[in-house]
């Protein structure tokens, strides 16, 4: 898979410590974050799409 776009995000100190611990256990943190975002979008996509479609202007 060729990644072509980048997005900068910020983490709290606690989140960075947690990601560091995962990395110490041999987890690929970048892949872990991508997978977490993908799962969250799949889970919430129906409600996200629903909210967008509800905004209908009468004119």
Protein backbone atom coordinates (compact mmCIF):
# COMPACT_ATOMS: atom_id res chain seq x y z
CA UNK A 1 0.00 0.00 0.00
CA UNK A 2 1.47 3.34 -1.07
CA UNK A 3 0.65 6.19 1.29
CA UNK A 4 0.56 9.57 -0.40
CA UNK A 5 -1.03 11.97 2.09
CA UNK A 6 0.03 13.02 5.57
CA UNK A 7 -1.86 14.51 8.50
CA UNK A 8 -0.21 15.89 11.61
CA UNK A 9 -1.88 15.13 14.92
CA UNK A 10 -0.95 15.92 18.50
CA UNK A 11 -0.97 13.53 21.43
CA UNK A 12 -1.10 14.21 25.15
CA UNK A 13 1.81 13.16 27.33
CA UNK A 14 -0.21 10.21 28.63
CA UNK A 15 -1.07 9.06 25.11
CA UNK A 16 2.58 9.30 24.04
CA UNK A 17 3.65 7.26 27.06
CA UNK A 18 1.07 4.60 26.15
CA UNK A 19 2.27 4.51 22.54
CA UNK A 20 5.87 4.23 23.74
CA UNK A 21 4.94 1.24 25.90
CA UNK A 22 3.26 -0.40 22.91
CA UNK A 23 6.39 0.22 20.86
CA UNK A 24 8.48 -1.43 23.61
CA UNK A 25 6.29 -4.53 23.23
CA UNK A 26 7.09 -4.64 19.52
CA UNK A 27 3.88 -3.07 18.21
CA UNK A 28 4.18 -1.01 15.02
CA UNK A 29 2.68 2.21 16.40
CA UNK A 30 2.05 3.79 13.00
CA UNK A 31 0.12 0.76 11.81
CA UNK A 32 -1.70 0.58 15.15
CA UNK A 33 -2.90 4.20 14.77
CA UNK A 34 -3.98 3.65 11.15
CA UNK A 35 -5.93 0.55 12.13
CA UNK A 36 -7.60 2.34 15.06
CA UNK A 37 -8.69 5.23 12.81
CA UNK A 38 -9.99 2.80 10.18
CA UNK A 39 -12.02 0.85 12.76
CA UNK A 40 -13.46 4.03 14.26
CA UNK A 41 -14.54 5.32 10.82
CA UNK A 42 -16.14 1.99 9.92
CA UNK A 43 -17.98 1.90 13.23
CA UNK A 44 -19.26 5.50 13.08
CA UNK A 45 -19.65 5.97 9.31
CA UNK A 46 -23.42 5.40 9.34
CA UNK A 47 -24.04 8.15 11.91
CA UNK A 48 -21.54 10.51 10.23
CA UNK A 49 -23.26 10.06 6.86
CA UNK A 50 -26.70 10.38 8.48
CA UNK A 51 -25.82 13.75 10.05
CA UNK A 52 -24.57 15.11 6.74
CA UNK A 53 -27.71 14.02 4.86
CA UNK A 54 -30.07 15.55 7.46
CA UNK A 55 -28.86 19.06 6.65
CA UNK A 56 -31.28 19.93 3.83
CA UNK A 57 -32.00 23.58 3.14
CA UNK A 58 -35.57 24.34 1.96
CA UNK A 59 -34.43 26.84 -0.69
